[in-house]
């Protein structure tokens, strides 16, 4: 149901963003090696544990800031 959009959107966003960023950080630090491929899932899971609750708190604040900073549409 649509009422879960406020949880599903940050859930999916946090999964995608932490996967990409942890992958980039891990491979830049360790290079493309077996060790990097072993470390990436741990780095991703650790970062996601922090990212999802952070998004739940921060996203409403960001939405408010956007409404303050962006001019409303002209009708």
PDB file of N, CA and C in Angstrom:
ATOM      1  N   UNK A   1       0.817  -1.216   0.000  1.00  0.00           N
ATOM      2  CA  UNK A   1       0.000   0.000   0.000  1.00  0.00           C
ATOM      3  C   UNK A   1       0.857   1.276   0.000  1.00  0.00           C
ATOM      4  N   UNK A   2       0.290   2.336  -0.530  1.00  0.00           N
ATOM      5  CA  UNK A   2       0.993   3.607  -0.657  1.00  0.00           C
ATOM      6  C   UNK A   2       1.468   4.163   0.680  1.00  0.00           C
ATOM      7  N   UNK A   3       0.822   3.803   1.761  1.00  0.00           N
ATOM      8  CA  UNK A   3       1.221   4.353   3.062  1.00  0.00           C
ATOM      9  C   UNK A   3       2.631   3.920   3.476  1.00  0.00           C
ATOM     10  N   UNK A   4       3.169   2.904   2.860  1.00  0.00           N
ATOM     11  CA  UNK A   4       4.524   2.437   3.172  1.00  0.00           C
ATOM     12  C   UNK A   4       5.609   3.121   2.336  1.00  0.00           C
ATOM     13  N   UNK A   5       5.241   4.038   1.470  1.00  0.00           N
ATOM     14  CA  UNK A   5       6.209   4.708   0.598  1.00  0.00           C
ATOM     15  C   UNK A   5       7.284   5.435   1.400  1.00  0.00           C
ATOM     16  N   UNK A   6       6.921   5.998   2.546  1.00  0.00           N
ATOM     17  CA  UNK A   6       7.882   6.721   3.374  1.00  0.00           C
ATOM     18  C   UNK A   6       8.950   5.832   3.983  1.00  0.00           C
ATOM     19  N   UNK A   7       8.722   4.530   4.011  1.00  0.00           N
ATOM     20  CA  UNK A   7       9.719   3.569   4.499  1.00  0.00           C
ATOM     21  C   UNK A   7      10.418   2.880   3.330  1.00  0.00           C
ATOM     22  N   UNK A   8       9.656   2.521   2.303  1.00  0.00           N
ATOM     23  CA  UNK A   8      10.212   1.780   1.168  1.00  0.00           C
ATOM     24  C   UNK A   8      11.208   2.635   0.383  1.00  0.00           C
ATOM     25  N   UNK A   9      10.897   3.917   0.172  1.00  0.00           N
ATOM     26  CA  UNK A   9      11.804   4.772  -0.599  1.00  0.00           C
ATOM     27  C   UNK A   9      13.164   4.912   0.080  1.00  0.00           C
ATOM     28  N   UNK A  10      13.263   5.282   1.363  1.00  0.00           N
ATOM     29  CA  UNK A  10      14.592   5.339   1.979  1.00  0.00           C
ATOM     30  C   UNK A  10      15.258   3.969   2.103  1.00  0.00           C
ATOM     31  N   UNK A  11      14.464   2.909   2.239  1.00  0.00           N
ATOM     32  CA  UNK A  11      15.017   1.559   2.294  1.00  0.00           C
ATOM     33  C   UNK A  11      15.757   1.243   0.996  1.00  0.00           C
ATOM     34  N   UNK A  12      15.079   1.434  -0.142  1.00  0.00           N
ATOM     35  CA  UNK A  12      15.710   1.145  -1.442  1.00  0.00           C
ATOM     36  C   UNK A  12      16.852   2.106  -1.737  1.00  0.00           C
ATOM     37  N   UNK A  13      16.661   3.377  -1.437  1.00  0.00           N
ATOM     38  CA  UNK A  13      17.713   4.374  -1.663  1.00  0.00           C
ATOM     39  C   UNK A  13      18.958   4.027  -0.861  1.00  0.00           C
ATOM     40  N   UNK A  14      18.796   3.633   0.389  1.00  0.00           N
ATOM     41  CA  UNK A  14      19.950   3.299   1.216  1.00  0.00           C
ATOM     42  C   UNK A  14      20.668   2.052   0.705  1.00  0.00           C
ATOM     43  N   UNK A  15      19.927   1.076   0.215  1.00  0.00           N
ATOM     44  CA  UNK A  15      20.552  -0.128  -0.338  1.00  0.00           C
ATOM     45  C   UNK A  15      21.399   0.222  -1.561  1.00  0.00           C
ATOM     46  N   UNK A  16      20.819   0.966  -2.485  1.00  0.00           N
ATOM     47  CA  UNK A  16      21.521   1.300  -3.730  1.00  0.00           C
ATOM     48  C   UNK A  16      22.734   2.183  -3.458  1.00  0.00           C
ATOM     49  N   UNK A  17      22.543   3.241  -2.680  1.00  0.00           N
ATOM     50  CA  UNK A  17      23.634   4.184  -2.435  1.00  0.00           C
ATOM     51  C   UNK A  17      24.782   3.545  -1.651  1.00  0.00           C
ATOM     52  N   UNK A  18      24.476   2.789  -0.599  1.00  0.00           N
ATOM     53  CA  UNK A  18      25.558   2.186   0.174  1.00  0.00           C
ATOM     54  C   UNK A  18      26.289   1.110  -0.616  1.00  0.00           C
ATOM     55  N   UNK A  19      25.582   0.409  -1.472  1.00  0.00           N
ATOM     56  CA  UNK A  19      26.229  -0.592  -2.321  1.00  0.00           C
ATOM     57  C   UNK A  19      27.246   0.077  -3.243  1.00  0.00           C
ATOM     58  N   UNK A  20      26.851   1.146  -3.893  1.00  0.00           N
ATOM     59  CA  UNK A  20      27.738   1.847  -4.823  1.00  0.00           C
ATOM     60  C   UNK A  20      28.908   2.487  -4.087  1.00  0.00           C
ATOM     61  N   UNK A  21      28.614   3.253  -3.049  1.00  0.00           N
ATOM     62  CA  UNK A  21      29.663   3.998  -2.356  1.00  0.00           C
ATOM     63  C   UNK A  21      30.626   3.056  -1.634  1.00  0.00           C
ATOM     64  N   UNK A  22      30.117   2.021  -0.974  1.00  0.00           N
ATOM     65  CA  UNK A  22      31.024   1.084  -0.297  1.00  0.00           C
ATOM     66  C   UNK A  22      31.880   0.333  -1.314  1.00  0.00           C
ATOM     67  N   UNK A  23      31.299   0.027  -2.468  1.00  0.00           N
ATOM     68  CA  UNK A  23      32.077  -0.630  -3.521  1.00  0.00           C
ATOM     69  C   UNK A  23      33.192   0.254  -4.038  1.00  0.00           C
ATOM     70  N   UNK A  24      32.869   1.508  -4.330  1.00  0.00           N
ATOM     71  CA  UNK A  24      33.885   2.451  -4.815  1.00  0.00           C
ATOM     72  C   UNK A  24      34.982   2.620  -3.764  1.00  0.00           C
ATOM     73  N   UNK A  25      34.594   2.847  -2.521  1.00  0.00           N
ATOM     74  CA  UNK A  25      35.580   3.054  -1.458  1.00  0.00           C
ATOM     75  C   UNK A  25      36.448   1.821  -1.234  1.00  0.00           C
ATOM     76  N   UNK A  26      35.829   0.664  -1.218  1.00  0.00           N
ATOM     77  CA  UNK A  26      36.575  -0.574  -0.990  1.00  0.00           C
ATOM     78  C   UNK A  26      37.570  -0.833  -2.107  1.00  0.00           C
ATOM     79  N   UNK A  27      37.124  -0.687  -3.355  1.00  0.00           N
ATOM     80  CA  UNK A  27      38.023  -0.984  -4.474  1.00  0.00           C
ATOM     81  C   UNK A  27      39.096   0.081  -4.655  1.00  0.00           C
ATOM     82  N   UNK A  28      38.809   1.327  -4.290  1.00  0.00           N
ATOM     83  CA  UNK A  28      39.866   2.345  -4.316  1.00  0.00           C
ATOM     84  C   UNK A  28      40.911   2.067  -3.245  1.00  0.00           C
ATOM     85  N   UNK A  29      40.480   1.609  -2.090  1.00  0.00           N
ATOM     86  CA  UNK A  29      41.413   1.348  -0.997  1.00  0.00           C
ATOM     87  C   UNK A  29      42.218   0.059  -1.212  1.00  0.00           C
ATOM     88  N   UNK A  30      41.565  -0.984  -1.719  1.00  0.00           N
ATOM     89  CA  UNK A  30      42.213  -2.295  -1.798  1.00  0.00           C
ATOM     90  C   UNK A  30      42.554  -2.744  -3.216  1.00  0.00           C
ATOM     91  N   UNK A  31      42.094  -2.005  -4.215  1.00  0.00           N
ATOM     92  CA  UNK A  31      42.294  -2.435  -5.591  1.00  0.00           C
ATOM     93  C   UNK A  31      41.352  -3.587  -5.927  1.00  0.00           C
ATOM     94  N   UNK A  32      41.369  -4.004  -7.172  1.00  0.00           N
ATOM     95  CA  UNK A  32      40.511  -5.120  -7.583  1.00  0.00           C
ATOM     96  C   UNK A  32      41.230  -6.423  -7.250  1.00  0.00           C
ATOM     97  N   UNK A  33      40.995  -6.873  -6.035  1.00  0.00           N
ATOM     98  CA  UNK A  33      41.651  -8.088  -5.554  1.00  0.00           C
ATOM     99  C   UNK A  33      40.619  -8.983  -4.878  1.00  0.00           C
ATOM    100  N   UNK A  34      41.027 -10.181  -4.577  1.00  0.00           N
ATOM    101  CA  UNK A  34      40.148 -11.113  -3.860  1.00  0.00           C
ATOM    102  C   UNK A  34      39.766 -10.534  -2.502  1.00  0.00           C
ATOM    103  N   UNK A  35      40.730  -9.878  -1.848  1.00  0.00           N
ATOM    104  CA  UNK A  35      40.474  -9.268  -0.553  1.00  0.00           C
ATOM    105  C   UNK A  35      39.408  -8.188  -0.622  1.00  0.00           C
ATOM    106  N   UNK A  36      39.414  -7.424  -1.700  1.00  0.00           N
ATOM    107  CA  UNK A  36      38.416  -6.366  -1.878  1.00  0.00           C
ATOM    108  C   UNK A  36      37.030  -6.979  -2.066  1.00  0.00           C
ATOM    109  N   UNK A  37      36.959  -8.036  -2.860  1.00  0.00           N
ATOM    110  CA  UNK A  37      35.658  -8.690  -3.068  1.00  0.00           C
ATOM    111  C   UNK A  37      35.141  -9.351  -1.789  1.00  0.00           C
ATOM    112  N   UNK A  38      36.048  -9.798  -0.939  1.00  0.00           N
ATOM    113  CA  UNK A  38      35.642 -10.364   0.351  1.00  0.00           C
ATOM    114  C   UNK A  38      35.226  -9.270   1.335  1.00  0.00           C
ATOM    115  N   UNK A  39      35.878  -8.108   1.262  1.00  0.00           N
ATOM    116  CA  UNK A  39      35.619  -7.013   2.202  1.00  0.00           C
ATOM    117  C   UNK A  39      34.368  -6.214   1.832  1.00  0.00           C
ATOM    118  N   UNK A  40      34.027  -6.166   0.549  1.00  0.00           N
ATOM    119  CA  UNK A  40      32.925  -5.323   0.102  1.00  0.00           C
ATOM    120  C   UNK A  40      31.591  -5.645   0.787  1.00  0.00           C
ATOM    121  N   UNK A  41      31.158  -6.897   0.881  1.00  0.00           N
ATOM    122  CA  UNK A  41      29.870  -7.160   1.549  1.00  0.00           C
ATOM    123  C   UNK A  41      29.852  -6.707   3.016  1.00  0.00           C
ATOM    124  N   UNK A  42      30.972  -6.848   3.696  1.00  0.00           N
ATOM    125  CA  UNK A  42      31.046  -6.405   5.094  1.00  0.00           C
ATOM    126  C   UNK A  42      30.960  -4.887   5.155  1.00  0.00           C
ATOM    127  N   UNK A  43      31.685  -4.211   4.264  1.00  0.00           N
ATOM    128  CA  UNK A  43      31.634  -2.744   4.214  1.00  0.00           C
ATOM    129  C   UNK A  43      30.231  -2.270   3.856  1.00  0.00           C
ATOM    130  N   UNK A  44      29.584  -2.949   2.905  1.00  0.00           N
ATOM    131  CA  UNK A  44      28.232  -2.559   2.511  1.00  0.00           C
ATOM    132  C   UNK A  44      27.256  -2.739   3.670  1.00  0.00           C
ATOM    133  N   UNK A  45      27.283  -3.895   4.319  1.00  0.00           N
ATOM    134  CA  UNK A  45      26.340  -4.158   5.404  1.00  0.00           C
ATOM    135  C   UNK A  45      26.532  -3.180   6.560  1.00  0.00           C
ATOM    136  N   UNK A  46      27.776  -2.897   6.880  1.00  0.00           N
ATOM    137  CA  UNK A  46      28.060  -1.955   7.961  1.00  0.00           C
ATOM    138  C   UNK A  46      27.547  -0.564   7.612  1.00  0.00           C
ATOM    139  N   UNK A  47      27.803  -0.120   6.396  1.00  0.00           N
ATOM    140  CA  UNK A  47      27.347   1.221   6.010  1.00  0.00           C
ATOM    141  C   UNK A  47      25.826   1.278   5.908  1.00  0.00           C
ATOM    142  N   UNK A  48      25.185   0.198   5.459  1.00  0.00           N
ATOM    143  CA  UNK A  48      23.727   0.208   5.351  1.00  0.00           C
ATOM    144  C   UNK A  48      23.053   0.289   6.715  1.00  0.00           C
ATOM    145  N   UNK A  49      23.638  -0.374   7.708  1.00  0.00           N
ATOM    146  CA  UNK A  49      23.081  -0.336   9.062  1.00  0.00           C
ATOM    147  C   UNK A  49      22.972   1.102   9.568  1.00  0.00           C
ATOM    148  N   UNK A  50      23.922   1.944   9.179  1.00  0.00           N
ATOM    149  CA  UNK A  50      23.889   3.347   9.586  1.00  0.00           C
ATOM    150  C   UNK A  50      23.060   4.199   8.627  1.00  0.00           C
ATOM    151  N   UNK A  51      23.097   3.877   7.345  1.00  0.00           N
ATOM    152  CA  UNK A  51      22.457   4.713   6.336  1.00  0.00           C
ATOM    153  C   UNK A  51      20.931   4.673   6.407  1.00  0.00           C
ATOM    154  N   UNK A  52      20.349   3.507   6.581  1.00  0.00           N
ATOM    155  CA  UNK A  52      18.883   3.413   6.559  1.00  0.00           C
ATOM    156  C   UNK A  52      18.232   4.217   7.678  1.00  0.00           C
ATOM    157  N   UNK A  53      18.631   4.043   8.942  1.00  0.00           N
ATOM    158  CA  UNK A  53      18.014   4.875   9.979  1.00  0.00           C
ATOM    159  C   UNK A  53      18.317   6.365   9.803  1.00  0.00           C
ATOM    160  N   UNK A  54      19.512   6.663   9.292  1.00  0.00           N
ATOM    161  CA  UNK A  54      19.858   8.071   9.044  1.00  0.00           C
ATOM    162  C   UNK A  54      18.916   8.669   8.018  1.00  0.00           C
ATOM    163  N   UNK A  55      18.645   7.943   6.948  1.00  0.00           N
ATOM    164  CA  UNK A  55      17.716   8.431   5.932  1.00  0.00           C
ATOM    165  C   UNK A  55      16.313   8.628   6.486  1.00  0.00           C
ATOM    166  N   UNK A  56      15.884   7.744   7.360  1.00  0.00           N
ATOM    167  CA  UNK A  56      14.551   7.892   7.953  1.00  0.00           C
ATOM    168  C   UNK A  56      14.438   9.204   8.726  1.00  0.00           C
ATOM    169  N   UNK A  57      15.523   9.627   9.361  1.00  0.00           N
ATOM    170  CA  UNK A  57      15.518  10.868  10.131  1.00  0.00           C
ATOM    171  C   UNK A  57      15.768  12.084   9.236  1.00  0.00           C
ATOM    172  N   UNK A  58      16.713  11.969   8.325  1.00  0.00           N
ATOM    173  CA  UNK A  58      17.176  13.120   7.542  1.00  0.00           C
ATOM    174  C   UNK A  58      16.261  13.454   6.368  1.00  0.00           C
ATOM    175  N   UNK A  59      15.649  12.464   5.749  1.00  0.00           N
ATOM    176  CA  UNK A  59      14.841  12.708   4.549  1.00  0.00           C
ATOM    177  C   UNK A  59      13.720  13.720   4.758  1.00  0.00           C
ATOM    178  N   UNK A  60      12.965  13.674   5.845  1.00  0.00           N
ATOM    179  CA  UNK A  60      11.942  14.713   6.039  1.00  0.00           C
ATOM    180  C   UNK A  60      12.544  16.123   6.175  1.00  0.00           C
ATOM    181  N   UNK A  61      13.705  16.216   6.779  1.00  0.00           N
ATOM    182  CA  UNK A  61      14.387  17.512   6.908  1.00  0.00           C
ATOM    183  C   UNK A  61      14.812  18.011   5.539  1.00  0.00           C
ATOM    184  N   UNK A  62      15.361  17.128   4.725  1.00  0.00           N
ATOM    185  CA  UNK A  62      15.785  17.502   3.369  1.00  0.00           C
ATOM    186  C   UNK A  62      14.584  17.922   2.533  1.00  0.00           C
ATOM    187  N   UNK A  63      13.486  17.206   2.645  1.00  0.00           N
ATOM    188  CA  UNK A  63      12.271  17.589   1.901  1.00  0.00           C
ATOM    189  C   UNK A  63      11.825  18.996   2.289  1.00  0.00           C
ATOM    190  N   UNK A  64      11.879  19.306   3.578  1.00  0.00           N
ATOM    191  CA  UNK A  64      11.501  20.648   4.035  1.00  0.00           C
ATOM    192  C   UNK A  64      12.470  21.694   3.483  1.00  0.00           C
ATOM    193  N   UNK A  65      13.765  21.426   3.546  1.00  0.00           N
ATOM    194  CA  UNK A  65      14.756  22.370   3.017  1.00  0.00           C
ATOM    195  C   UNK A  65      14.553  22.625   1.526  1.00  0.00           C
ATOM    196  N   UNK A  66      14.209  21.584   0.792  1.00  0.00           N
ATOM    197  CA  UNK A  66      13.962  21.739  -0.646  1.00  0.00           C
ATOM    198  C   UNK A  66      12.773  22.661  -0.880  1.00  0.00           C
ATOM    199  N   UNK A  67      11.717  22.529  -0.104  1.00  0.00           N
ATOM    200  CA  UNK A  67      10.553  23.414  -0.292  1.00  0.00           C
ATOM    201  C   UNK A  67      10.906  24.856   0.058  1.00  0.00           C
ATOM    202  N   UNK A  68      11.843  25.054   0.970  1.00  0.00           N
ATOM    203  CA  UNK A  68      12.267  26.411   1.331  1.00  0.00           C
ATOM    204  C   UNK A  68      13.165  27.000   0.236  1.00  0.00           C
ATOM    205  N   UNK A  69      14.025  26.190  -0.352  1.00  0.00           N
ATOM    206  CA  UNK A  69      15.024  26.666  -1.306  1.00  0.00           C
ATOM    207  C   UNK A  69      14.517  26.780  -2.747  1.00  0.00           C
ATOM    208  N   UNK A  70      13.538  25.977  -3.105  1.00  0.00           N
ATOM    209  CA  UNK A  70      13.066  25.925  -4.491  1.00  0.00           C
ATOM    210  C   UNK A  70      11.755  26.714  -4.602  1.00  0.00           C
ATOM    211  N   UNK A  71      11.703  27.572  -5.604  1.00  0.00           N
ATOM    212  CA  UNK A  71      10.500  28.363  -5.823  1.00  0.00           C
ATOM    213  C   UNK A  71       9.332  27.453  -6.214  1.00  0.00           C
ATOM    214  N   UNK A  72       8.149  27.755  -5.705  1.00  0.00           N
ATOM    215  CA  UNK A  72       6.988  26.950  -6.100  1.00  0.00           C
ATOM    216  C   UNK A  72       6.681  27.154  -7.593  1.00  0.00           C
ATOM    217  N   UNK A  73       6.036  26.196  -8.216  1.00  0.00           N
ATOM    218  CA  UNK A  73       5.708  26.343  -9.631  1.00  0.00           C
ATOM    219  C   UNK A  73       4.735  27.506  -9.858  1.00  0.00           C
ATOM    220  N   UNK A  74       4.941  28.202 -10.979  1.00  0.00           N
ATOM    221  CA  UNK A  74       4.056  29.311 -11.346  1.00  0.00           C
ATOM    222  C   UNK A  74       2.829  28.737 -12.043  1.00  0.00           C
ATOM    223  N   UNK A  75       1.661  29.176 -11.603  1.00  0.00           N
ATOM    224  CA  UNK A  75       0.435  28.653 -12.214  1.00  0.00           C
ATOM    225  C   UNK A  75      -0.299  29.745 -12.935  1.00  0.00           C
TER     226      UNK A  75
END
